[in-house]
Amino acid sequence: SKKKPYSLHRVTFNDALADGLYARICLRRGIDWT
């Protein structure tokens, strides 16, 4: 609401998936992404 002059970020589970979270987990675990 801008009552506090703070920068606000928001990342939901779906946001993280859209940014490649599961693909990164696949890379870390050495498995193929599908």
PDB file of all heavy atoms in Angstrom:
ATOM      1  N   SER A   1       0.815  -1.219   0.000  1.00  0.00           N
ATOM      2  CA  SER A   1       0.000   0.000   0.000  1.00  0.00           C
ATOM      3  C   SER A   1       0.843   1.261   0.000  1.00  0.00           C
ATOM      4  O   SER A   1       0.310   2.364   0.029  1.00  0.00           O
ATOM      5  CB  SER A   1      -0.919   0.005   1.227  1.00  0.00           C
ATOM      6  OG  SER A   1      -0.160   0.079   2.428  1.00  0.00           O
ATOM      7  N   LYS A   2       2.169   1.117  -0.017  1.00  0.00           N
ATOM      8  CA  LYS A   2       3.119   2.230  -0.027  1.00  0.00           C
ATOM      9  C   LYS A   2       3.139   3.002   1.290  1.00  0.00           C
ATOM     10  O   LYS A   2       3.682   4.105   1.351  1.00  0.00           O
ATOM     11  CB  LYS A   2       2.826   3.205  -1.182  1.00  0.00           C
ATOM     12  CG  LYS A   2       2.690   2.550  -2.546  1.00  0.00           C
ATOM     13  CD  LYS A   2       3.924   1.750  -2.938  1.00  0.00           C
ATOM     14  CE  LYS A   2       3.788   1.151  -4.332  1.00  0.00           C
ATOM     15  NZ  LYS A   2       4.922   0.276  -4.695  1.00  0.00           N
ATOM     16  N   LYS A   3       2.562   2.428   2.345  1.00  0.00           N
ATOM     17  CA  LYS A   3       2.693   3.064   3.656  1.00  0.00           C
ATOM     18  C   LYS A   3       4.135   2.981   4.136  1.00  0.00           C
ATOM     19  O   LYS A   3       4.590   3.820   4.909  1.00  0.00           O
ATOM     20  CB  LYS A   3       1.764   2.386   4.673  1.00  0.00           C
ATOM     21  CG  LYS A   3       0.297   2.693   4.467  1.00  0.00           C
ATOM     22  CD  LYS A   3      -0.582   2.006   5.494  1.00  0.00           C
ATOM     23  CE  LYS A   3      -0.383   2.576   6.887  1.00  0.00           C
ATOM     24  NZ  LYS A   3      -1.334   1.990   7.867  1.00  0.00           N
ATOM     25  N   LYS A   4       4.833   1.953   3.709  1.00  0.00           N
ATOM     26  CA  LYS A   4       6.254   1.803   4.000  1.00  0.00           C
ATOM     27  C   LYS A   4       7.018   1.845   2.671  1.00  0.00           C
ATOM     28  O   LYS A   4       6.617   1.188   1.707  1.00  0.00           O
ATOM     29  CB  LYS A   4       6.539   0.474   4.709  1.00  0.00           C
ATOM     30  CG  LYS A   4       5.827   0.300   6.042  1.00  0.00           C
ATOM     31  CD  LYS A   4       6.419   1.179   7.126  1.00  0.00           C
ATOM     32  CE  LYS A   4       5.820   0.831   8.487  1.00  0.00           C
ATOM     33  NZ  LYS A   4       6.336   1.730   9.551  1.00  0.00           N
ATOM     34  N   PRO A   5       8.096   2.598   2.595  1.00  0.00           N
ATOM     35  CA  PRO A   5       8.824   2.742   1.318  1.00  0.00           C
ATOM     36  C   PRO A   5       9.759   1.574   1.038  1.00  0.00           C
ATOM     37  O   PRO A   5      10.946   1.766   0.768  1.00  0.00           O
ATOM     38  CB  PRO A   5       9.595   4.048   1.538  1.00  0.00           C
ATOM     39  CG  PRO A   5       9.889   4.055   3.007  1.00  0.00           C
ATOM     40  CD  PRO A   5       8.680   3.435   3.669  1.00  0.00           C
ATOM     41  N   TYR A   6       9.223   0.365   1.121  1.00  0.00           N
ATOM     42  CA  TYR A   6      10.037  -0.821   0.944  1.00  0.00           C
ATOM     43  C   TYR A   6       9.787  -1.428  -0.429  1.00  0.00           C
ATOM     44  O   TYR A   6       8.687  -1.355  -0.979  1.00  0.00           O
ATOM     45  CB  TYR A   6       9.720  -1.866   2.012  1.00  0.00           C
ATOM     46  CG  TYR A   6       9.840  -1.388   3.444  1.00  0.00           C
ATOM     47  CD1 TYR A   6       9.133  -2.032   4.459  1.00  0.00           C
ATOM     48  CD2 TYR A   6      10.649  -0.309   3.782  1.00  0.00           C
ATOM     49  CE1 TYR A   6       9.244  -1.606   5.778  1.00  0.00           C
ATOM     50  CE2 TYR A   6      10.758   0.121   5.091  1.00  0.00           C
ATOM     51  CZ  TYR A   6      10.044  -0.530   6.087  1.00  0.00           C
ATOM     52  OH  TYR A   6      10.146  -0.092   7.387  1.00  0.00           O
ATOM     53  N   SER A   7      10.806  -2.049  -0.987  1.00  0.00           N
ATOM     54  CA  SER A   7      10.663  -2.785  -2.236  1.00  0.00           C
ATOM     55  C   SER A   7      10.047  -4.157  -1.929  1.00  0.00           C
ATOM     56  O   SER A   7      10.520  -4.867  -1.048  1.00  0.00           O
ATOM     57  CB  SER A   7      12.031  -2.958  -2.899  1.00  0.00           C
ATOM     58  OG  SER A   7      11.918  -3.772  -4.044  1.00  0.00           O
ATOM     59  N   LEU A   8       8.987  -4.509  -2.656  1.00  0.00           N
ATOM     60  CA  LEU A   8       8.268  -5.754  -2.380  1.00  0.00           C
ATOM     61  C   LEU A   8       8.399  -6.721  -3.548  1.00  0.00           C
ATOM     62  O   LEU A   8       8.142  -6.365  -4.700  1.00  0.00           O
ATOM     63  CB  LEU A   8       6.787  -5.456  -2.118  1.00  0.00           C
ATOM     64  CG  LEU A   8       5.893  -6.667  -1.834  1.00  0.00           C
ATOM     65  CD1 LEU A   8       6.341  -7.390  -0.563  1.00  0.00           C
ATOM     66  CD2 LEU A   8       4.433  -6.230  -1.716  1.00  0.00           C
ATOM     67  N   HIS A   9       8.807  -7.952  -3.251  1.00  0.00           N
ATOM     68  CA  HIS A   9       8.889  -9.031  -4.231  1.00  0.00           C
ATOM     69  C   HIS A   9       7.902 -10.129  -3.826  1.00  0.00           C
ATOM     70  O   HIS A   9       7.630 -10.320  -2.641  1.00  0.00           O
ATOM     71  CB  HIS A   9      10.293  -9.631  -4.286  1.00  0.00           C
ATOM     72  CG  HIS A   9      11.343  -8.672  -4.756  1.00  0.00           C
ATOM     73  ND1 HIS A   9      12.070  -8.871  -5.920  1.00  0.00           N
ATOM     74  CD2 HIS A   9      11.816  -7.510  -4.217  1.00  0.00           C
ATOM     75  CE1 HIS A   9      12.929  -7.880  -6.070  1.00  0.00           C
ATOM     76  NE2 HIS A   9      12.798  -7.044  -5.049  1.00  0.00           N
ATOM     77  N   ARG A  10       7.427 -10.873  -4.822  1.00  0.00           N
ATOM     78  CA  ARG A  10       6.488 -11.970  -4.556  1.00  0.00           C
ATOM     79  C   ARG A  10       6.772 -13.099  -5.530  1.00  0.00           C
ATOM     80  O   ARG A  10       6.745 -12.900  -6.747  1.00  0.00           O
ATOM     81  CB  ARG A  10       5.048 -11.481  -4.709  1.00  0.00           C
ATOM     82  CG  ARG A  10       3.968 -12.500  -4.347  1.00  0.00           C
ATOM     83  CD  ARG A  10       2.594 -11.814  -4.404  1.00  0.00           C
ATOM     84  NE  ARG A  10       1.561 -12.672  -3.870  1.00  0.00           N
ATOM     85  CZ  ARG A  10       0.830 -13.518  -4.616  1.00  0.00           C
ATOM     86  NH1 ARG A  10       1.055 -13.596  -5.918  1.00  0.00           N
ATOM     87  NH2 ARG A  10      -0.100 -14.259  -4.063  1.00  0.00           N
ATOM     88  N   VAL A  11       7.055 -14.289  -5.000  1.00  0.00           N
ATOM     89  CA  VAL A  11       7.332 -15.448  -5.854  1.00  0.00           C
ATOM     90  C   VAL A  11       6.534 -16.634  -5.332  1.00  0.00           C
ATOM     91  O   VAL A  11       6.842 -17.197  -4.275  1.00  0.00           O
ATOM     92  CB  VAL A  11       8.838 -15.795  -5.886  1.00  0.00           C
ATOM     93  CG1 VAL A  11       9.077 -16.977  -6.821  1.00  0.00           C
ATOM     94  CG2 VAL A  11       9.668 -14.599  -6.331  1.00  0.00           C
ATOM     95  N   THR A  12       5.510 -17.018  -6.067  1.00  0.00           N
ATOM     96  CA  THR A  12       4.733 -18.200  -5.715  1.00  0.00           C
ATOM     97  C   THR A  12       5.411 -19.447  -6.285  1.00  0.00           C
ATOM     98  O   THR A  12       6.374 -19.362  -7.066  1.00  0.00           O
ATOM     99  CB  THR A  12       3.311 -18.101  -6.274  1.00  0.00           C
ATOM    100  OG1 THR A  12       3.367 -18.144  -7.708  1.00  0.00           O
ATOM    101  CG2 THR A  12       2.623 -16.796  -5.835  1.00  0.00           C
ATOM    102  N   PHE A  13       4.888 -20.593  -5.919  1.00  0.00           N
ATOM    103  CA  PHE A  13       5.400 -21.855  -6.443  1.00  0.00           C
ATOM    104  C   PHE A  13       5.281 -21.886  -7.969  1.00  0.00           C
ATOM    105  O   PHE A  13       6.219 -22.295  -8.674  1.00  0.00           O
ATOM    106  CB  PHE A  13       4.627 -23.012  -5.816  1.00  0.00           C
ATOM    107  CG  PHE A  13       5.106 -24.385  -6.227  1.00  0.00           C
ATOM    108  CD1 PHE A  13       6.393 -24.809  -5.925  1.00  0.00           C
ATOM    109  CD2 PHE A  13       4.261 -25.248  -6.892  1.00  0.00           C
ATOM    110  CE1 PHE A  13       6.832 -26.074  -6.291  1.00  0.00           C
ATOM    111  CE2 PHE A  13       4.679 -26.520  -7.257  1.00  0.00           C
ATOM    112  CZ  PHE A  13       5.973 -26.924  -6.964  1.00  0.00           C
ATOM    113  N   ASN A  14       4.135 -21.418  -8.491  1.00  0.00           N
ATOM    114  CA  ASN A  14       3.950 -21.396  -9.940  1.00  0.00           C
ATOM    115  C   ASN A  14       4.913 -20.414 -10.613  1.00  0.00           C
ATOM    116  O   ASN A  14       5.404 -20.667 -11.716  1.00  0.00           O
ATOM    117  CB  ASN A  14       2.504 -21.036 -10.287  1.00  0.00           C
ATOM    118  CG  ASN A  14       1.537 -22.179 -10.005  1.00  0.00           C
ATOM    119  OD1 ASN A  14       1.947 -23.323  -9.847  1.00  0.00           O
ATOM    120  ND2 ASN A  14       0.261 -21.863  -9.931  1.00  0.00           N
ATOM    121  N   ASP A  15       5.167 -19.280  -9.952  1.00  0.00           N
ATOM    122  CA  ASP A  15       6.142 -18.332 -10.491  1.00  0.00           C
ATOM    123  C   ASP A  15       7.522 -18.987 -10.602  1.00  0.00           C
ATOM    124  O   ASP A  15       8.229 -18.812 -11.596  1.00  0.00           O
ATOM    125  CB  ASP A  15       6.245 -17.095  -9.597  1.00  0.00           C
ATOM    126  CG  ASP A  15       4.976 -16.266  -9.582  1.00  0.00           C
ATOM    127  OD1 ASP A  15       4.219 -16.313 -10.573  1.00  0.00           O
ATOM    128  OD2 ASP A  15       4.740 -15.572  -8.569  1.00  0.00           O
ATOM    129  N   ALA A  16       7.893 -19.715  -9.553  1.00  0.00           N
ATOM    130  CA  ALA A  16       9.199 -20.364  -9.545  1.00  0.00           C
ATOM    131  C   ALA A  16       9.289 -21.429 -10.631  1.00  0.00           C
ATOM    132  O   ALA A  16      10.324 -21.570 -11.306  1.00  0.00           O
ATOM    133  CB  ALA A  16       9.466 -20.976  -8.168  1.00  0.00           C
ATOM    134  N   LEU A  17       8.200 -22.181 -10.827  1.00  0.00           N
ATOM    135  CA  LEU A  17       8.185 -23.173 -11.902  1.00  0.00           C
ATOM    136  C   LEU A  17       8.356 -22.499 -13.257  1.00  0.00           C
ATOM    137  O   LEU A  17       9.112 -22.971 -14.119  1.00  0.00           O
ATOM    138  CB  LEU A  17       6.868 -23.953 -11.875  1.00  0.00           C
ATOM    139  CG  LEU A  17       6.690 -24.989 -10.769  1.00  0.00           C
ATOM    140  CD1 LEU A  17       5.291 -25.596 -10.843  1.00  0.00           C
ATOM    141  CD2 LEU A  17       7.742 -26.084 -10.857  1.00  0.00           C
ATOM    142  N   ALA A  18       7.653 -21.373 -13.447  1.00  0.00           N
ATOM    143  CA  ALA A  18       7.738 -20.655 -14.722  1.00  0.00           C
ATOM    144  C   ALA A  18       9.145 -20.139 -14.981  1.00  0.00           C
ATOM    145  O   ALA A  18       9.565 -19.992 -16.138  1.00  0.00           O
ATOM    146  CB  ALA A  18       6.735 -19.506 -14.747  1.00  0.00           C
ATOM    147  N   ASP A  19       9.883 -19.868 -13.904  1.00  0.00           N
ATOM    148  CA  ASP A  19      11.257 -19.389 -14.044  1.00  0.00           C
ATOM    149  C   ASP A  19      12.284 -20.521 -14.085  1.00  0.00           C
ATOM    150  O   ASP A  19      13.486 -20.265 -14.067  1.00  0.00           O
ATOM    151  CB  ASP A  19      11.592 -18.430 -12.901  1.00  0.00           C
ATOM    152  CG  ASP A  19      11.198 -17.002 -13.224  1.00  0.00           C
ATOM    153  OD1 ASP A  19      10.750 -16.743 -14.349  1.00  0.00           O
ATOM    154  OD2 ASP A  19      11.340 -16.127 -12.337  1.00  0.00           O
ATOM    155  N   GLY A  20      11.804 -21.767 -14.096  1.00  0.00           N
ATOM    156  CA  GLY A  20      12.721 -22.890 -14.307  1.00  0.00           C
ATOM    157  C   GLY A  20      13.143 -23.658 -13.077  1.00  0.00           C
ATOM    158  O   GLY A  20      14.175 -24.344 -13.093  1.00  0.00           O
ATOM    159  N   LEU A  21      12.374 -23.602 -11.988  1.00  0.00           N
ATOM    160  CA  LEU A  21      12.761 -24.292 -10.755  1.00  0.00           C
ATOM    161  C   LEU A  21      12.916 -25.801 -10.968  1.00  0.00           C
ATOM    162  O   LEU A  21      13.927 -26.391 -10.580  1.00  0.00           O
ATOM    163  CB  LEU A  21      11.726 -24.018  -9.658  1.00  0.00           C
ATOM    164  CG  LEU A  21      11.934 -24.776  -8.340  1.00  0.00           C
ATOM    165  CD1 LEU A  21      13.247 -24.368  -7.677  1.00  0.00           C
ATOM    166  CD2 LEU A  21      10.754 -24.545  -7.388  1.00  0.00           C
ATOM    167  N   TYR A  22      11.915 -26.430 -11.567  1.00  0.00           N
ATOM    168  CA  TYR A  22      11.988 -27.879 -11.736  1.00  0.00           C
ATOM    169  C   TYR A  22      13.116 -28.267 -12.686  1.00  0.00           C
ATOM    170  O   TYR A  22      13.811 -29.271 -12.465  1.00  0.00           O
ATOM    171  CB  TYR A  22      10.654 -28.431 -12.235  1.00  0.00           C
ATOM    172  CG  TYR A  22      10.685 -29.928 -12.462  1.00  0.00           C
ATOM    173  CD1 TYR A  22      10.758 -30.814 -11.389  1.00  0.00           C
ATOM    174  CD2 TYR A  22      10.672 -30.451 -13.756  1.00  0.00           C
ATOM    175  CE1 TYR A  22      10.803 -32.184 -11.590  1.00  0.00           C
ATOM    176  CE2 TYR A  22      10.715 -31.828 -13.973  1.00  0.00           C
ATOM    177  CZ  TYR A  22      10.786 -32.688 -12.884  1.00  0.00           C
ATOM    178  OH  TYR A  22      10.839 -34.050 -13.083  1.00  0.00           O
ATOM    179  N   ALA A  23      13.313 -27.463 -13.738  1.00  0.00           N
ATOM    180  CA  ALA A  23      14.413 -27.754 -14.659  1.00  0.00           C
ATOM    181  C   ALA A  23      15.751 -27.707 -13.939  1.00  0.00           C
ATOM    182  O   ALA A  23      16.647 -28.516 -14.200  1.00  0.00           O
ATOM    183  CB  ALA A  23      14.396 -26.753 -15.824  1.00  0.00           C
ATOM    184  N   ARG A  24      15.888 -26.770 -13.008  1.00  0.00           N
ATOM    185  CA  ARG A  24      17.126 -26.671 -12.240  1.00  0.00           C
ATOM    186  C   ARG A  24      17.289 -27.872 -11.304  1.00  0.00           C
ATOM    187  O   ARG A  24      18.401 -28.378 -11.109  1.00  0.00           O
ATOM    188  CB  ARG A  24      17.140 -25.357 -11.448  1.00  0.00           C
ATOM    189  CG  ARG A  24      18.436 -25.108 -10.665  1.00  0.00           C
ATOM    190  CD  ARG A  24      19.666 -25.135 -11.580  1.00  0.00           C
ATOM    191  NE  ARG A  24      19.497 -24.321 -12.771  1.00  0.00           N
ATOM    192  CZ  ARG A  24      19.736 -23.011 -12.806  1.00  0.00           C
ATOM    193  NH1 ARG A  24      20.157 -22.383 -11.716  1.00  0.00           N
ATOM    194  NH2 ARG A  24      19.573 -22.347 -13.934  1.00  0.00           N
ATOM    195  N   ILE A  25      16.194 -28.336 -10.726  1.00  0.00           N
ATOM    196  CA  ILE A  25      16.244 -29.523  -9.875  1.00  0.00           C
ATOM    197  C   ILE A  25      16.667 -30.737 -10.695  1.00  0.00           C
ATOM    198  O   ILE A  25      17.467 -31.575 -10.247  1.00  0.00           O
ATOM    199  CB  ILE A  25      14.861 -29.756  -9.211  1.00  0.00           C
ATOM    200  CG1 ILE A  25      14.596 -28.667  -8.161  1.00  0.00           C
ATOM    201  CG2 ILE A  25      14.786 -31.141  -8.568  1.00  0.00           C
ATOM    202  CD1 ILE A  25      13.198 -28.698  -7.591  1.00  0.00           C
ATOM    203  N   CYS A  26      16.141 -30.836 -11.917  1.00  0.00           N
ATOM    204  CA  CYS A  26      16.542 -31.934 -12.805  1.00  0.00           C
ATOM    205  C   CYS A  26      18.040 -31.868 -13.098  1.00  0.00           C
ATOM    206  O   CYS A  26      18.745 -32.893 -13.082  1.00  0.00           O
ATOM    207  CB  CYS A  26      15.756 -31.872 -14.113  1.00  0.00           C
ATOM    208  SG  CYS A  26      14.012 -32.300 -13.950  1.00  0.00           S
ATOM    209  N   LEU A  27      18.537 -30.673 -13.363  1.00  0.00           N
ATOM    210  CA  LEU A  27      19.957 -30.510 -13.639  1.00  0.00           C
ATOM    211  C   LEU A  27      20.793 -30.930 -12.431  1.00  0.00           C
ATOM    212  O   LEU A  27      21.810 -31.613 -12.567  1.00  0.00           O
ATOM    213  CB  LEU A  27      20.238 -29.049 -13.992  1.00  0.00           C
ATOM    214  CG  LEU A  27      21.684 -28.684 -14.335  1.00  0.00           C
ATOM    215  CD1 LEU A  27      22.110 -29.394 -15.620  1.00  0.00           C
ATOM    216  CD2 LEU A  27      21.820 -27.173 -14.497  1.00  0.00           C
ATOM    217  N   ARG A  28      20.337 -30.515 -11.256  1.00  0.00           N
ATOM    218  CA  ARG A  28      21.069 -30.838 -10.025  1.00  0.00           C
ATOM    219  C   ARG A  28      21.075 -32.352  -9.763  1.00  0.00           C
ATOM    220  O   ARG A  28      22.079 -32.902  -9.304  1.00  0.00           O
ATOM    221  CB  ARG A  28      20.413 -30.092  -8.857  1.00  0.00           C
ATOM    222  CG  ARG A  28      21.074 -30.284  -7.508  1.00  0.00           C
ATOM    223  CD  ARG A  28      22.330 -29.447  -7.385  1.00  0.00           C
ATOM    224  NE  ARG A  28      22.914 -29.553  -6.072  1.00  0.00           N
ATOM    225  CZ  ARG A  28      22.654 -28.717  -5.065  1.00  0.00           C
ATOM    226  NH1 ARG A  28      21.797 -27.720  -5.243  1.00  0.00           N
ATOM    227  NH2 ARG A  28      23.247 -28.860  -3.909  1.00  0.00           N
ATOM    228  N   ARG A  29      19.968 -32.999 -10.082  1.00  0.00           N
ATOM    229  CA  ARG A  29      19.842 -34.438  -9.814  1.00  0.00           C
ATOM    230  C   ARG A  29      20.346 -35.291 -10.971  1.00  0.00           C
ATOM    231  O   ARG A  29      20.396 -36.517 -10.855  1.00  0.00           O
ATOM    232  CB  ARG A  29      18.382 -34.777  -9.521  1.00  0.00           C
ATOM    233  CG  ARG A  29      17.843 -34.140  -8.245  1.00  0.00           C
ATOM    234  CD  ARG A  29      16.345 -34.358  -8.102  1.00  0.00           C
ATOM    235  NE  ARG A  29      16.017 -35.774  -8.100  1.00  0.00           N
ATOM    236  CZ  ARG A  29      14.758 -36.239  -8.167  1.00  0.00           C
ATOM    237  NH1 ARG A  29      13.747 -35.395  -8.274  1.00  0.00           N
ATOM    238  NH2 ARG A  29      14.538 -37.531  -8.144  1.00  0.00           N
ATOM    239  N   GLY A  30      20.663 -34.673 -12.102  1.00  0.00           N
ATOM    240  CA  GLY A  30      21.172 -35.432 -13.242  1.00  0.00           C
ATOM    241  C   GLY A  30      20.123 -36.233 -13.960  1.00  0.00           C
ATOM    242  O   GLY A  30      20.420 -37.313 -14.499  1.00  0.00           O
ATOM    243  N   ILE A  31      18.901 -35.725 -13.974  1.00  0.00           N
ATOM    244  CA  ILE A  31      17.827 -36.428 -14.677  1.00  0.00           C
ATOM    245  C   ILE A  31      17.309 -35.530 -15.799  1.00  0.00           C
ATOM    246  O   ILE A  31      17.510 -34.320 -15.806  1.00  0.00           O
ATOM    247  CB  ILE A  31      16.671 -36.819 -13.732  1.00  0.00           C
ATOM    248  CG1 ILE A  31      16.047 -35.560 -13.100  1.00  0.00           C
ATOM    249  CG2 ILE A  31      17.161 -37.763 -12.653  1.00  0.00           C
ATOM    250  CD1 ILE A  31      14.857 -35.861 -12.200  1.00  0.00           C
ATOM    251  N   ASP A  32      16.654 -36.151 -16.771  1.00  0.00           N
ATOM    252  CA  ASP A  32      16.134 -35.407 -17.917  1.00  0.00           C
ATOM    253  C   ASP A  32      14.853 -34.673 -17.545  1.00  0.00           C
ATOM    254  O   ASP A  32      13.976 -35.220 -16.863  1.00  0.00           O
ATOM    255  CB  ASP A  32      15.845 -36.356 -19.085  1.00  0.00           C
ATOM    256  CG  ASP A  32      17.120 -36.944 -19.676  1.00  0.00           C
ATOM    257  OD1 ASP A  32      18.165 -36.269 -19.569  1.00  0.00           O
ATOM    258  OD2 ASP A  32      17.054 -38.059 -20.222  1.00  0.00           O
ATOM    259  N   TRP A  33      14.769 -33.427 -18.027  1.00  0.00           N
ATOM    260  CA  TRP A  33      13.543 -32.661 -17.828  1.00  0.00           C
ATOM    261  C   TRP A  33      12.521 -33.031 -18.882  1.00  0.00           C
ATOM    262  O   TRP A  33      12.848 -33.179 -20.071  1.00  0.00           O
ATOM    263  CB  TRP A  33      13.839 -31.166 -17.947  1.00  0.00           C
ATOM    264  CG  TRP A  33      12.604 -30.312 -17.843  1.00  0.00           C
ATOM    265  CD1 TRP A  33      12.088 -29.764 -16.720  1.00  0.00           C
ATOM    266  CD2 TRP A  33      11.727 -29.921 -18.913  1.00  0.00           C
ATOM    267  NE1 TRP A  33      10.952 -29.058 -17.001  1.00  0.00           N
ATOM    268  CE2 TRP A  33      10.694 -29.139 -18.349  1.00  0.00           C
ATOM    269  CE3 TRP A  33      11.720 -30.163 -20.288  1.00  0.00           C
ATOM    270  CZ2 TRP A  33       9.662 -28.601 -19.108  1.00  0.00           C
ATOM    271  CZ3 TRP A  33      10.678 -29.622 -21.054  1.00  0.00           C
ATOM    272  CH2 TRP A  33       9.662 -28.853 -20.473  1.00  0.00           C
ATOM    273  N   THR A  34      11.263 -33.227 -18.446  1.00  0.00           N
ATOM    274  CA  THR A  34      10.151 -33.399 -19.377  1.00  0.00           C
ATOM    275  C   THR A  34       8.969 -32.597 -18.839  1.00  0.00           C
ATOM    276  O   THR A  34       8.846 -32.364 -17.629  1.00  0.00           O
ATOM    277  CB  THR A  34       9.717 -34.874 -19.514  1.00  0.00           C
ATOM    278  OG1 THR A  34       9.211 -35.342 -18.258  1.00  0.00           O
ATOM    279  CG2 THR A  34      10.885 -35.754 -19.975  1.00  0.00           C
TER     280      THR A  34
END
